[in-house]
Protein backbone atom coordinates (compact mmCIF):
# COMPACT_ATOMS: atom_id res chain seq x y z
CA MET A 1 -23.80 17.01 -2.51
CA ASN A 2 -20.94 19.42 -3.00
CA LEU A 3 -18.92 19.43 -6.17
CA ASP A 4 -15.15 19.49 -5.91
CA TYR A 5 -14.41 22.51 -8.09
CA VAL A 6 -10.66 22.14 -7.52
CA VAL A 7 -10.69 18.69 -9.13
CA ILE A 8 -12.95 19.89 -11.96
CA GLY A 9 -10.65 22.84 -12.66
CA LYS A 10 -7.59 20.60 -12.67
CA ARG A 11 -9.27 18.19 -15.06
CA ILE A 12 -10.21 21.01 -17.44
CA ARG A 13 -6.61 22.24 -17.35
CA GLU A 14 -5.32 18.71 -17.98
CA LEU A 15 -7.63 18.19 -20.97
CA ARG A 16 -6.72 21.63 -22.35
CA LYS A 17 -3.00 20.95 -22.07
CA GLU A 18 -3.40 17.51 -23.68
CA LYS A 19 -4.67 19.38 -26.75
CA GLY A 20 -1.79 21.85 -26.53
CA TRP A 21 -4.22 24.75 -26.16
CA THR A 22 -3.77 28.00 -24.30
CA GLN A 23 -6.45 29.27 -21.95
CA GLU A 24 -7.26 31.89 -24.57
CA ARG A 25 -7.90 29.29 -27.25
CA LEU A 26 -10.17 27.15 -25.06
CA ALA A 27 -12.01 30.22 -23.77
CA GLU A 28 -12.66 31.41 -27.31
CA ARG A 29 -13.95 28.00 -28.39
CA ALA A 30 -16.12 27.73 -25.27
CA GLY A 31 -17.49 31.25 -25.62
CA ILE A 32 -16.18 32.54 -22.31
CA GLU A 33 -13.61 35.11 -21.23
CA PRO A 34 -10.04 33.87 -20.71
CA SER A 35 -10.04 35.36 -17.21
CA ASN A 36 -13.15 33.32 -16.42
CA LEU A 37 -11.45 30.13 -17.60
CA SER A 38 -8.43 30.98 -15.46
CA HIS A 39 -10.70 31.34 -12.44
CA ILE A 40 -12.41 28.02 -13.24
CA GLU A 41 -9.11 26.15 -13.59
CA ARG A 42 -7.95 27.54 -10.23
CA ALA A 43 -11.36 26.89 -8.62
CA ALA A 44 -11.58 30.58 -7.75
CA THR A 45 -15.13 30.56 -9.07
CA LYS A 46 -17.92 28.05 -9.48
CA LEU A 47 -18.98 27.34 -13.02
CA SER A 48 -22.53 27.07 -14.28
CA LEU A 49 -23.87 24.09 -16.18
CA PRO A 50 -24.03 26.04 -19.49
CA THR A 51 -20.38 27.05 -19.04
CA LEU A 52 -19.39 23.47 -18.21
CA VAL A 53 -21.22 22.19 -21.29
CA GLY A 54 -19.53 24.84 -23.43
CA ILE A 55 -16.11 23.80 -22.15
CA ALA A 56 -16.85 20.09 -22.67
CA ASN A 57 -18.05 20.76 -26.22
CA ALA A 58 -15.00 22.90 -26.98
CA LEU A 59 -12.71 20.14 -25.69
CA GLU A 60 -14.79 17.51 -27.52
CA VAL A 61 -15.25 15.42 -24.36
CA SER A 62 -18.28 14.28 -22.43
CA LEU A 63 -19.27 15.95 -19.19
CA ASP A 64 -18.49 12.82 -17.22
CA GLU A 65 -14.89 13.00 -18.44
CA ILE A 66 -14.61 16.33 -16.65
CA VAL A 67 -16.60 15.64 -13.48
CA TYR A 68 -16.07 11.89 -13.10
CA SER A 69 -14.33 12.18 -9.73
CA ASN A 70 -17.52 13.75 -8.39
CA LEU A 71 -19.70 10.89 -9.67
CA VAL A 72 -20.70 7.79 -7.73
CA LYS A 73 -20.67 5.67 -10.88
CA SER A 74 -17.46 6.60 -12.67
CA ALA A 75 -15.42 3.41 -13.04
CA HIS A 76 -16.03 3.39 -16.81
CA ILE A 77 -14.17 6.69 -17.16
CA SER A 78 -11.13 5.45 -15.27
CA ALA A 79 -11.19 2.19 -17.22
CA GLY A 80 -11.31 4.13 -20.47
CA ARG A 81 -8.34 6.27 -19.45
CA ILE A 82 -6.37 3.13 -18.53
CA ASN A 83 -7.25 1.51 -21.87
CA GLU A 84 -6.01 4.58 -23.74
CA LEU A 85 -2.69 4.32 -21.93
CA LEU A 86 -2.37 0.63 -22.81
CA GLU A 87 -3.29 0.84 -26.50
CA ASP A 88 0.24 1.12 -27.82
CA CYS A 89 1.98 -1.21 -25.34
CA SER A 90 3.90 -4.29 -26.39
CA PRO A 91 3.02 -7.65 -24.81
CA GLU A 92 6.07 -7.36 -22.56
CA GLU A 93 5.04 -3.88 -21.44
CA LEU A 94 1.53 -5.12 -20.70
CA LEU A 95 2.87 -7.92 -18.52
CA GLY A 96 5.09 -5.51 -16.62
CA LEU A 97 2.26 -3.02 -16.15
CA ALA A 98 -0.05 -5.80 -14.95
CA GLU A 99 2.45 -6.65 -12.21
CA ILE A 100 2.80 -2.97 -11.28
CA LEU A 101 -0.99 -2.59 -11.10
CA LYS A 102 -1.29 -5.72 -8.97
CA SER A 103 1.25 -4.34 -6.50
CA ALA A 104 -0.26 -0.85 -6.52
CA LYS A 105 -3.73 -2.29 -5.91
CA ALA A 106 -2.43 -4.26 -2.90
CA VAL A 107 -0.80 -1.12 -1.46
CA LEU A 108 -3.95 0.97 -1.96
CA ARG A 109 -6.15 -1.65 -0.32
CA ALA A 110 -3.75 -2.03 2.60
CA LYS A 111 -4.16 1.71 3.31
CA GLN A 112 -7.95 1.41 3.59
């Protein structure tokens, strides 16, 4: 199995930006060089398991939250992300989003 380092790098960048952190701040917390983190986020280099664990710990996320798109069993991560988005929605917003999801699901399945 090959890991998709582009997707992993993008996810690390996304999680870092959600925290409002610079590459320098995350690199310092993860115990790596900022240039190394830059290479990881751009998928210019492969990262080792110790480096990945260091980044996950620095971001205070689980490994599966970073690599879930590479996992066969990852639906729980996507479901968790969806639940986070829905937490502060009003009942009306939830109904509207349910209709949007229903339509989007139909479109996605039609493409398969």
